[in-house]
Amino acid sequence: MSILDETVVFHPDSWKDWDWKSLSGLPLGEVSLTAADGAQLFGWYVESRQVFAAAKPPKSFSLIEGAEHNSTDQVGGAAYFQQWAEFVPPVIRW
């Protein structure tokens, strides 16, 4: 392995067959699907409000109707960025 691979490339750990539902403390629902390229995928689903309720403060919740996983900034627009601008400064110590 080159020095570049060791320092820049992310090498994930192998899959751990743990009881993720118990470890997370969340009501995880199992999801299985086939990606467009034919790969079989498995994951968990949990309602965002349940994750928020379980999170420790500081926290903030914003539901962005019509947004998908990678489109919250585009769909949420100025209101999305405004919420970030209000949340981050008191939480992060510069």
PDB file of N, CA and C in Angstrom:
ATOM      1  N   MET A   1       0.859  -1.180   0.000  1.00  0.00           N
ATOM      2  CA  MET A   1       0.000   0.000   0.000  1.00  0.00           C
ATOM      3  C   MET A   1       0.901   1.237   0.000  1.00  0.00           C
ATOM      4  N   SER A   2       0.594   2.196  -0.846  1.00  0.00           N
ATOM      5  CA  SER A   2       1.414   3.399  -0.933  1.00  0.00           C
ATOM      6  C   SER A   2       1.108   4.350   0.214  1.00  0.00           C
ATOM      7  N   ILE A   3       2.007   5.296   0.424  1.00  0.00           N
ATOM      8  CA  ILE A   3       1.810   6.302   1.473  1.00  0.00           C
ATOM      9  C   ILE A   3       0.545   7.112   1.204  1.00  0.00           C
ATOM     10  N   LEU A   4       0.224   7.344  -0.073  1.00  0.00           N
ATOM     11  CA  LEU A   4      -0.998   8.064  -0.421  1.00  0.00           C
ATOM     12  C   LEU A   4      -2.222   7.272   0.007  1.00  0.00           C
ATOM     13  N   ASP A   5      -2.228   5.968  -0.265  1.00  0.00           N
ATOM     14  CA  ASP A   5      -3.345   5.117   0.157  1.00  0.00           C
ATOM     15  C   ASP A   5      -3.497   5.120   1.672  1.00  0.00           C
ATOM     16  N   GLU A   6      -2.394   5.109   2.384  1.00  0.00           N
ATOM     17  CA  GLU A   6      -2.432   5.043   3.842  1.00  0.00           C
ATOM     18  C   GLU A   6      -2.925   6.342   4.473  1.00  0.00           C
ATOM     19  N   THR A   7      -2.687   7.466   3.828  1.00  0.00           N
ATOM     20  CA  THR A   7      -3.022   8.759   4.440  1.00  0.00           C
ATOM     21  C   THR A   7      -4.267   9.429   3.878  1.00  0.00           C
ATOM     22  N   VAL A   8      -4.640   9.125   2.643  1.00  0.00           N
ATOM     23  CA  VAL A   8      -5.741   9.854   2.005  1.00  0.00           C
ATOM     24  C   VAL A   8      -6.969   8.990   1.749  1.00  0.00           C
ATOM     25  N   VAL A   9      -6.783   7.742   1.398  1.00  0.00           N
ATOM     26  CA  VAL A   9      -7.891   6.876   1.025  1.00  0.00           C
ATOM     27  C   VAL A   9      -8.534   6.282   2.273  1.00  0.00           C
ATOM     28  N   PHE A  10      -9.859   6.344   2.338  1.00  0.00           N
ATOM     29  CA  PHE A  10     -10.588   5.770   3.462  1.00  0.00           C
ATOM     30  C   PHE A  10     -10.715   4.265   3.272  1.00  0.00           C
ATOM     31  N   HIS A  11     -10.297   3.511   4.277  1.00  0.00           N
ATOM     32  CA  HIS A  11     -10.401   2.060   4.253  1.00  0.00           C
ATOM     33  C   HIS A  11     -11.350   1.642   5.373  1.00  0.00           C
ATOM     34  N   PRO A  12     -12.607   1.366   5.049  1.00  0.00           N
ATOM     35  CA  PRO A  12     -13.571   1.020   6.095  1.00  0.00           C
ATOM     36  C   PRO A  12     -13.262  -0.337   6.723  1.00  0.00           C
ATOM     37  N   ASP A  13     -13.681  -0.475   7.978  1.00  0.00           N
ATOM     38  CA  ASP A  13     -13.562  -1.769   8.643  1.00  0.00           C
ATOM     39  C   ASP A  13     -14.504  -2.752   7.965  1.00  0.00           C
ATOM     40  N   SER A  14     -14.219  -4.026   8.128  1.00  0.00           N
ATOM     41  CA  SER A  14     -15.123  -5.029   7.582  1.00  0.00           C
ATOM     42  C   SER A  14     -16.424  -5.017   8.383  1.00  0.00           C
ATOM     43  N   TRP A  15     -17.462  -5.565   7.782  1.00  0.00           N
ATOM     44  CA  TRP A  15     -18.794  -5.604   8.406  1.00  0.00           C
ATOM     45  C   TRP A  15     -18.737  -6.300   9.759  1.00  0.00           C
ATOM     46  N   LYS A  16     -19.373  -5.711  10.728  1.00  0.00           N
ATOM     47  CA  LYS A  16     -19.471  -6.313  12.055  1.00  0.00           C
ATOM     48  C   LYS A  16     -20.912  -6.786  12.237  1.00  0.00           C
ATOM     49  N   ASP A  17     -21.091  -8.048  12.530  1.00  0.00           N
ATOM     50  CA  ASP A  17     -22.422  -8.618  12.699  1.00  0.00           C
ATOM     51  C   ASP A  17     -22.878  -8.413  14.143  1.00  0.00           C
ATOM     52  N   TRP A  18     -23.208  -7.173  14.463  1.00  0.00           N
ATOM     53  CA  TRP A  18     -23.652  -6.819  15.808  1.00  0.00           C
ATOM     54  C   TRP A  18     -25.166  -6.660  15.822  1.00  0.00           C
ATOM     55  N   ASP A  19     -25.718  -6.552  16.994  1.00  0.00           N
ATOM     56  CA  ASP A  19     -27.151  -6.288  17.154  1.00  0.00           C
ATOM     57  C   ASP A  19     -27.331  -4.765  17.116  1.00  0.00           C
ATOM     58  N   TRP A  20     -27.383  -4.218  15.904  1.00  0.00           N
ATOM     59  CA  TRP A  20     -27.413  -2.768  15.721  1.00  0.00           C
ATOM     60  C   TRP A  20     -28.651  -2.136  16.338  1.00  0.00           C
ATOM     61  N   LYS A  21     -29.768  -2.833  16.343  1.00  0.00           N
ATOM     62  CA  LYS A  21     -30.997  -2.283  16.920  1.00  0.00           C
ATOM     63  C   LYS A  21     -30.806  -2.031  18.415  1.00  0.00           C
ATOM     64  N   SER A  22     -30.247  -2.997  19.117  1.00  0.00           N
ATOM     65  CA  SER A  22     -30.011  -2.827  20.558  1.00  0.00           C
ATOM     66  C   SER A  22     -28.939  -1.776  20.823  1.00  0.00           C
ATOM     67  N   LEU A  23     -27.882  -1.780  20.026  1.00  0.00           N
ATOM     68  CA  LEU A  23     -26.792  -0.824  20.231  1.00  0.00           C
ATOM     69  C   LEU A  23     -27.236   0.619  19.999  1.00  0.00           C
ATOM     70  N   SER A  24     -28.100   0.830  19.015  1.00  0.00           N
ATOM     71  CA  SER A  24     -28.528   2.199  18.701  1.00  0.00           C
ATOM     72  C   SER A  24     -29.587   2.697  19.670  1.00  0.00           C
ATOM     73  N   GLY A  25     -30.380   1.779  20.237  1.00  0.00           N
ATOM     74  CA  GLY A  25     -31.470   2.197  21.105  1.00  0.00           C
ATOM     75  C   GLY A  25     -32.632   2.799  20.336  1.00  0.00           C
ATOM     76  N   LEU A  26     -32.620   2.658  19.021  1.00  0.00           N
ATOM     77  CA  LEU A  26     -33.673   3.209  18.172  1.00  0.00           C
ATOM     78  C   LEU A  26     -34.506   2.085  17.571  1.00  0.00           C
ATOM     79  N   PRO A  27     -35.761   2.373  17.233  1.00  0.00           N
ATOM     80  CA  PRO A  27     -36.615   1.353  16.610  1.00  0.00           C
ATOM     81  C   PRO A  27     -36.295   1.210  15.118  1.00  0.00           C
ATOM     82  N   LEU A  28     -35.206   0.534  14.812  1.00  0.00           N
ATOM     83  CA  LEU A  28     -34.755   0.396  13.428  1.00  0.00           C
ATOM     84  C   LEU A  28     -35.615  -0.594  12.655  1.00  0.00           C
ATOM     85  N   GLY A  29     -35.994  -0.205  11.463  1.00  0.00           N
ATOM     86  CA  GLY A  29     -36.688  -1.103  10.555  1.00  0.00           C
ATOM     87  C   GLY A  29     -35.708  -1.561   9.488  1.00  0.00           C
ATOM     88  N   GLU A  30     -35.690  -2.824   9.168  1.00  0.00           N
ATOM     89  CA  GLU A  30     -34.767  -3.350   8.164  1.00  0.00           C
ATOM     90  C   GLU A  30     -35.276  -3.038   6.759  1.00  0.00           C
ATOM     91  N   VAL A  31     -34.349  -2.656   5.885  1.00  0.00           N
ATOM     92  CA  VAL A  31     -34.677  -2.303   4.509  1.00  0.00           C
ATOM     93  C   VAL A  31     -33.720  -3.043   3.580  1.00  0.00           C
ATOM     94  N   SER A  32     -34.251  -3.663   2.544  1.00  0.00           N
ATOM     95  CA  SER A  32     -33.443  -4.336   1.538  1.00  0.00           C
ATOM     96  C   SER A  32     -33.897  -3.843   0.171  1.00  0.00           C
ATOM     97  N   LEU A  33     -32.937  -3.521  -0.691  1.00  0.00           N
ATOM     98  CA  LEU A  33     -33.306  -3.023  -2.013  1.00  0.00           C
ATOM     99  C   LEU A  33     -32.225  -3.349  -3.022  1.00  0.00           C
ATOM    100  N   THR A  34     -32.556  -3.184  -4.279  1.00  0.00           N
ATOM    101  CA  THR A  34     -31.611  -3.398  -5.364  1.00  0.00           C
ATOM    102  C   THR A  34     -31.298  -2.050  -6.004  1.00  0.00           C
ATOM    103  N   ALA A  35     -30.007  -1.717  -6.064  1.00  0.00           N
ATOM    104  CA  ALA A  35     -29.575  -0.457  -6.668  1.00  0.00           C
ATOM    105  C   ALA A  35     -29.698  -0.541  -8.186  1.00  0.00           C
ATOM    106  N   ALA A  36     -29.597   0.622  -8.847  1.00  0.00           N
ATOM    107  CA  ALA A  36     -29.737   0.673 -10.303  1.00  0.00           C
ATOM    108  C   ALA A  36     -28.710  -0.202 -11.010  1.00  0.00           C
ATOM    109  N   ASP A  37     -27.535  -0.393 -10.392  1.00  0.00           N
ATOM    110  CA  ASP A  37     -26.502  -1.211 -11.022  1.00  0.00           C
ATOM    111  C   ASP A  37     -26.640  -2.694 -10.686  1.00  0.00           C
ATOM    112  N   GLY A  38     -27.701  -3.058  -9.952  1.00  0.00           N
ATOM    113  CA  GLY A  38     -27.960  -4.448  -9.615  1.00  0.00           C
ATOM    114  C   GLY A  38     -27.429  -4.887  -8.264  1.00  0.00           C
ATOM    115  N   ALA A  39     -26.666  -4.022  -7.587  1.00  0.00           N
ATOM    116  CA  ALA A  39     -26.120  -4.387  -6.278  1.00  0.00           C
ATOM    117  C   ALA A  39     -27.251  -4.527  -5.260  1.00  0.00           C
ATOM    118  N   GLN A  40     -27.168  -5.561  -4.432  1.00  0.00           N
ATOM    119  CA  GLN A  40     -28.140  -5.769  -3.370  1.00  0.00           C
ATOM    120  C   GLN A  40     -27.684  -4.973  -2.147  1.00  0.00           C
ATOM    121  N   LEU A  41     -28.543  -4.128  -1.626  1.00  0.00           N
ATOM    122  CA  LEU A  41     -28.209  -3.273  -0.489  1.00  0.00           C
ATOM    123  C   LEU A  41     -29.098  -3.600   0.694  1.00  0.00           C
ATOM    124  N   PHE A  42     -28.567  -3.409   1.869  1.00  0.00           N
ATOM    125  CA  PHE A  42     -29.311  -3.613   3.106  1.00  0.00           C
ATOM    126  C   PHE A  42     -29.028  -2.442   4.022  1.00  0.00           C
ATOM    127  N   GLY A  43     -30.024  -2.002   4.747  1.00  0.00           N
ATOM    128  CA  GLY A  43     -29.830  -0.904   5.686  1.00  0.00           C
ATOM    129  C   GLY A  43     -30.953  -0.870   6.693  1.00  0.00           C
ATOM    130  N   TRP A  44     -31.006   0.220   7.428  1.00  0.00           N
ATOM    131  CA  TRP A  44     -32.039   0.404   8.443  1.00  0.00           C
ATOM    132  C   TRP A  44     -32.757   1.705   8.194  1.00  0.00           C
ATOM    133  N   TYR A  45     -33.992   1.724   8.626  1.00  0.00           N
ATOM    134  CA  TYR A  45     -34.822   2.911   8.493  1.00  0.00           C
ATOM    135  C   TYR A  45     -35.332   3.282   9.877  1.00  0.00           C
ATOM    136  N   VAL A  46     -35.302   4.561  10.173  1.00  0.00           N
ATOM    137  CA  VAL A  46     -35.868   5.057  11.423  1.00  0.00           C
ATOM    138  C   VAL A  46     -36.396   6.462  11.160  1.00  0.00           C
ATOM    139  N   GLU A  47     -37.515   6.787  11.729  1.00  0.00           N
ATOM    140  CA  GLU A  47     -38.117   8.111  11.551  1.00  0.00           C
ATOM    141  C   GLU A  47     -37.209   9.199  12.121  1.00  0.00           C
ATOM    142  N   SER A  48     -37.089  10.299  11.418  1.00  0.00           N
ATOM    143  CA  SER A  48     -36.209  11.392  11.847  1.00  0.00           C
ATOM    144  C   SER A  48     -36.601  11.945  13.218  1.00  0.00           C
ATOM    145  N   ARG A  49     -37.892  11.986  13.506  1.00  0.00           N
ATOM    146  CA  ARG A  49     -38.320  12.519  14.819  1.00  0.00           C
ATOM    147  C   ARG A  49     -37.862  11.608  15.967  1.00  0.00           C
ATOM    148  N   GLN A  50     -37.753  10.303  15.693  1.00  0.00           N
ATOM    149  CA  GLN A  50     -37.280   9.371  16.719  1.00  0.00           C
ATOM    150  C   GLN A  50     -35.781   9.551  16.963  1.00  0.00           C
ATOM    151  N   VAL A  51     -35.032   9.809  15.911  1.00  0.00           N
ATOM    152  CA  VAL A  51     -33.604  10.084  16.069  1.00  0.00           C
ATOM    153  C   VAL A  51     -33.423  11.384  16.850  1.00  0.00           C
ATOM    154  N   PHE A  52     -34.205  12.402  16.511  1.00  0.00           N
ATOM    155  CA  PHE A  52     -34.119  13.686  17.211  1.00  0.00           C
ATOM    156  C   PHE A  52     -34.450  13.527  18.695  1.00  0.00           C
ATOM    157  N   ALA A  53     -35.491  12.782  19.001  1.00  0.00           N
ATOM    158  CA  ALA A  53     -35.886  12.589  20.402  1.00  0.00           C
ATOM    159  C   ALA A  53     -34.780  11.892  21.196  1.00  0.00           C
ATOM    160  N   ALA A  54     -34.052  10.984  20.551  1.00  0.00           N
ATOM    161  CA  ALA A  54     -32.998  10.239  21.241  1.00  0.00           C
ATOM    162  C   ALA A  54     -31.690  11.021  21.351  1.00  0.00           C
ATOM    163  N   ALA A  55     -31.518  12.049  20.526  1.00  0.00           N
ATOM    164  CA  ALA A  55     -30.270  12.816  20.513  1.00  0.00           C
ATOM    165  C   ALA A  55     -30.131  13.671  21.771  1.00  0.00           C
ATOM    166  N   LYS A  56     -28.885  13.869  22.167  1.00  0.00           N
ATOM    167  CA  LYS A  56     -28.603  14.737  23.317  1.00  0.00           C
ATOM    168  C   LYS A  56     -28.455  16.171  22.836  1.00  0.00           C
ATOM    169  N   PRO A  57     -28.786  17.151  23.692  1.00  0.00           N
ATOM    170  CA  PRO A  57     -28.597  18.548  23.307  1.00  0.00           C
ATOM    171  C   PRO A  57     -27.106  18.867  23.184  1.00  0.00           C
ATOM    172  N   PRO A  58     -26.756  19.886  22.448  1.00  0.00           N
ATOM    173  CA  PRO A  58     -27.651  20.787  21.713  1.00  0.00           C
ATOM    174  C   PRO A  58     -28.169  20.119  20.445  1.00  0.00           C
ATOM    175  N   LYS A  59     -29.385  20.430  20.103  1.00  0.00           N
ATOM    176  CA  LYS A  59     -29.988  19.844  18.913  1.00  0.00           C
ATOM    177  C   LYS A  59     -31.040  20.787  18.357  1.00  0.00           C
ATOM    178  N   SER A  60     -31.370  20.571  17.092  1.00  0.00           N
ATOM    179  CA  SER A  60     -32.374  21.373  16.405  1.00  0.00           C
ATOM    180  C   SER A  60     -33.019  20.472  15.362  1.00  0.00           C
ATOM    181  N   PHE A  61     -34.304  20.641  15.130  1.00  0.00           N
ATOM    182  CA  PHE A  61     -35.022  19.802  14.167  1.00  0.00           C
ATOM    183  C   PHE A  61     -35.701  20.675  13.130  1.00  0.00           C
ATOM    184  N   SER A  62     -35.545  20.297  11.883  1.00  0.00           N
ATOM    185  CA  SER A  62     -36.200  21.002  10.789  1.00  0.00           C
ATOM    186  C   SER A  62     -36.663  19.974   9.776  1.00  0.00           C
ATOM    187  N   LEU A  63     -37.947  19.941   9.502  1.00  0.00           N
ATOM    188  CA  LEU A  63     -38.492  19.031   8.503  1.00  0.00           C
ATOM    189  C   LEU A  63     -38.590  19.790   7.184  1.00  0.00           C
ATOM    190  N   ILE A  64     -37.934  19.269   6.158  1.00  0.00           N
ATOM    191  CA  ILE A  64     -37.917  19.923   4.844  1.00  0.00           C
ATOM    192  C   ILE A  64     -38.756  19.071   3.901  1.00  0.00           C
ATOM    193  N   GLU A  65     -39.983  19.470   3.712  1.00  0.00           N
ATOM    194  CA  GLU A  65     -40.916  18.717   2.870  1.00  0.00           C
ATOM    195  C   GLU A  65     -40.377  18.596   1.452  1.00  0.00           C
ATOM    196  N   GLY A  66     -40.399  17.380   0.915  1.00  0.00           N
ATOM    197  CA  GLY A  66     -39.990  17.135  -0.461  1.00  0.00           C
ATOM    198  C   GLY A  66     -38.499  16.925  -0.646  1.00  0.00           C
ATOM    199  N   ALA A  67     -37.707  17.075   0.417  1.00  0.00           N
ATOM    200  CA  ALA A  67     -36.262  16.883   0.287  1.00  0.00           C
ATOM    201  C   ALA A  67     -35.911  15.409   0.397  1.00  0.00           C
ATOM    202  N   GLU A  68     -34.875  15.031  -0.302  1.00  0.00           N
ATOM    203  CA  GLU A  68     -34.329  13.686  -0.194  1.00  0.00           C
ATOM    204  C   GLU A  68     -32.976  13.799   0.491  1.00  0.00           C
ATOM    205  N   HIS A  69     -32.310  12.664   0.665  1.00  0.00           N
ATOM    206  CA  HIS A  69     -31.078  12.604   1.442  1.00  0.00           C
ATOM    207  C   HIS A  69     -30.050  13.665   1.043  1.00  0.00           C
ATOM    208  N   ASN A  70     -29.839  13.876  -0.239  1.00  0.00           N
ATOM    209  CA  ASN A  70     -28.807  14.803  -0.682  1.00  0.00           C
ATOM    210  C   ASN A  70     -29.350  16.096  -1.284  1.00  0.00           C
ATOM    211  N   SER A  71     -30.613  16.419  -1.013  1.00  0.00           N
ATOM    212  CA  SER A  71     -31.176  17.632  -1.622  1.00  0.00           C
ATOM    213  C   SER A  71     -31.726  18.613  -0.588  1.00  0.00           C
ATOM    214  N   THR A  72     -31.368  18.433   0.680  1.00  0.00           N
ATOM    215  CA  THR A  72     -31.932  19.307   1.711  1.00  0.00           C
ATOM    216  C   THR A  72     -31.578  20.769   1.492  1.00  0.00           C
ATOM    217  N   ASP A  73     -30.359  21.047   1.043  1.00  0.00           N
ATOM    218  CA  ASP A  73     -29.970  22.435   0.827  1.00  0.00           C
ATOM    219  C   ASP A  73     -30.707  23.058  -0.356  1.00  0.00           C
ATOM    220  N   GLN A  74     -30.889  22.287  -1.447  1.00  0.00           N
ATOM    221  CA  GLN A  74     -31.592  22.839  -2.608  1.00  0.00           C
ATOM    222  C   GLN A  74     -33.081  23.030  -2.319  1.00  0.00           C
ATOM    223  N   VAL A  75     -33.711  22.044  -1.701  1.00  0.00           N
ATOM    224  CA  VAL A  75     -35.151  22.122  -1.443  1.00  0.00           C
ATOM    225  C   VAL A  75     -35.450  23.085  -0.299  1.00  0.00           C
ATOM    226  N   GLY A  76     -34.618  23.057   0.725  1.00  0.00           N
ATOM    227  CA  GLY A  76     -34.844  23.920   1.885  1.00  0.00           C
ATOM    228  C   GLY A  76     -34.534  25.382   1.634  1.00  0.00           C
ATOM    229  N   GLY A  77     -33.638  25.647   0.697  1.00  0.00           N
ATOM    230  CA  GLY A  77     -33.299  27.013   0.322  1.00  0.00           C
ATOM    231  C   GLY A  77     -32.774  27.863   1.469  1.00  0.00           C
ATOM    232  N   ALA A  78     -33.160  29.132   1.462  1.00  0.00           N
ATOM    233  CA  ALA A  78     -32.661  30.101   2.442  1.00  0.00           C
ATOM    234  C   ALA A  78     -33.016  29.714   3.876  1.00  0.00           C
ATOM    235  N   ALA A  79     -34.188  29.135   4.094  1.00  0.00           N
ATOM    236  CA  ALA A  79     -34.594  28.740   5.449  1.00  0.00           C
ATOM    237  C   ALA A  79     -33.671  27.665   6.012  1.00  0.00           C
ATOM    238  N   TYR A  80     -33.230  26.743   5.149  1.00  0.00           N
ATOM    239  CA  TYR A  80     -32.292  25.693   5.559  1.00  0.00           C
ATOM    240  C   TYR A  80     -30.988  26.311   6.046  1.00  0.00           C
ATOM    241  N   PHE A  81     -30.414  27.211   5.259  1.00  0.00           N
ATOM    242  CA  PHE A  81     -29.144  27.840   5.629  1.00  0.00           C
ATOM    243  C   PHE A  81     -29.294  28.764   6.833  1.00  0.00           C
ATOM    244  N   GLN A  82     -30.439  29.400   6.979  1.00  0.00           N
ATOM    245  CA  GLN A  82     -30.687  30.250   8.137  1.00  0.00           C
ATOM    246  C   GLN A  82     -30.692  29.431   9.426  1.00  0.00           C
ATOM    247  N   GLN A  83     -31.307  28.258   9.386  1.00  0.00           N
ATOM    248  CA  GLN A  83     -31.323  27.413  10.578  1.00  0.00           C
ATOM    249  C   GLN A  83     -29.911  26.978  10.947  1.00  0.00           C
ATOM    250  N   TRP A  84     -29.102  26.621   9.965  1.00  0.00           N
ATOM    251  CA  TRP A  84     -27.707  26.285  10.248  1.00  0.00           C
ATOM    252  C   TRP A  84     -26.975  27.480  10.851  1.00  0.00           C
ATOM    253  N   ALA A  85     -27.206  28.660  10.287  1.00  0.00           N
ATOM    254  CA  ALA A  85     -26.522  29.868  10.771  1.00  0.00           C
ATOM    255  C   ALA A  85     -26.894  30.183  12.222  1.00  0.00           C
ATOM    256  N   GLU A  86     -28.119  29.852  12.627  1.00  0.00           N
ATOM    257  CA  GLU A  86     -28.544  30.092  14.007  1.00  0.00           C
ATOM    258  C   GLU A  86     -28.059  29.000  14.952  1.00  0.00           C
ATOM    259  N   PHE A  87     -27.915  27.772  14.454  1.00  0.00           N
ATOM    260  CA  PHE A  87     -27.552  26.644  15.308  1.00  0.00           C
ATOM    261  C   PHE A  87     -26.043  26.558  15.580  1.00  0.00           C
ATOM    262  N   VAL A  88     -25.241  26.751  14.554  1.00  0.00           N
ATOM    263  CA  VAL A  88     -23.806  26.477  14.657  1.00  0.00           C
ATOM    264  C   VAL A  88     -23.047  27.407  15.609  1.00  0.00           C
ATOM    265  N   PRO A  89     -23.166  28.725  15.524  1.00  0.00           N
ATOM    266  CA  PRO A  89     -22.300  29.579  16.367  1.00  0.00           C
ATOM    267  C   PRO A  89     -22.347  29.289  17.874  1.00  0.00           C
ATOM    268  N   PRO A  90     -23.499  29.078  18.484  1.00  0.00           N
ATOM    269  CA  PRO A  90     -23.471  28.797  19.922  1.00  0.00           C
ATOM    270  C   PRO A  90     -22.901  27.415  20.266  1.00  0.00           C
ATOM    271  N   VAL A  91     -22.894  26.509  19.299  1.00  0.00           N
ATOM    272  CA  VAL A  91     -22.483  25.127  19.568  1.00  0.00           C
ATOM    273  C   VAL A  91     -20.981  24.936  19.351  1.00  0.00           C
ATOM    274  N   ILE A  92     -20.434  25.526  18.300  1.00  0.00           N
ATOM    275  CA  ILE A  92     -19.024  25.349  17.979  1.00  0.00           C
ATOM    276  C   ILE A  92     -18.220  26.485  18.579  1.00  0.00           C
ATOM    277  N   ARG A  93     -17.209  26.120  19.335  1.00  0.00           N
ATOM    278  CA  ARG A  93     -16.310  27.096  19.935  1.00  0.00           C
ATOM    279  C   ARG A  93     -15.154  27.361  18.975  1.00  0.00           C
ATOM    280  N   TRP A  94     -15.119  28.533  18.387  1.00  0.00           N
ATOM    281  CA  TRP A  94     -14.078  28.868  17.410  1.00  0.00           C
ATOM    282  C   TRP A  94     -12.806  29.237  18.107  1.00  0.00           C
TER     283      TRP A  94
END
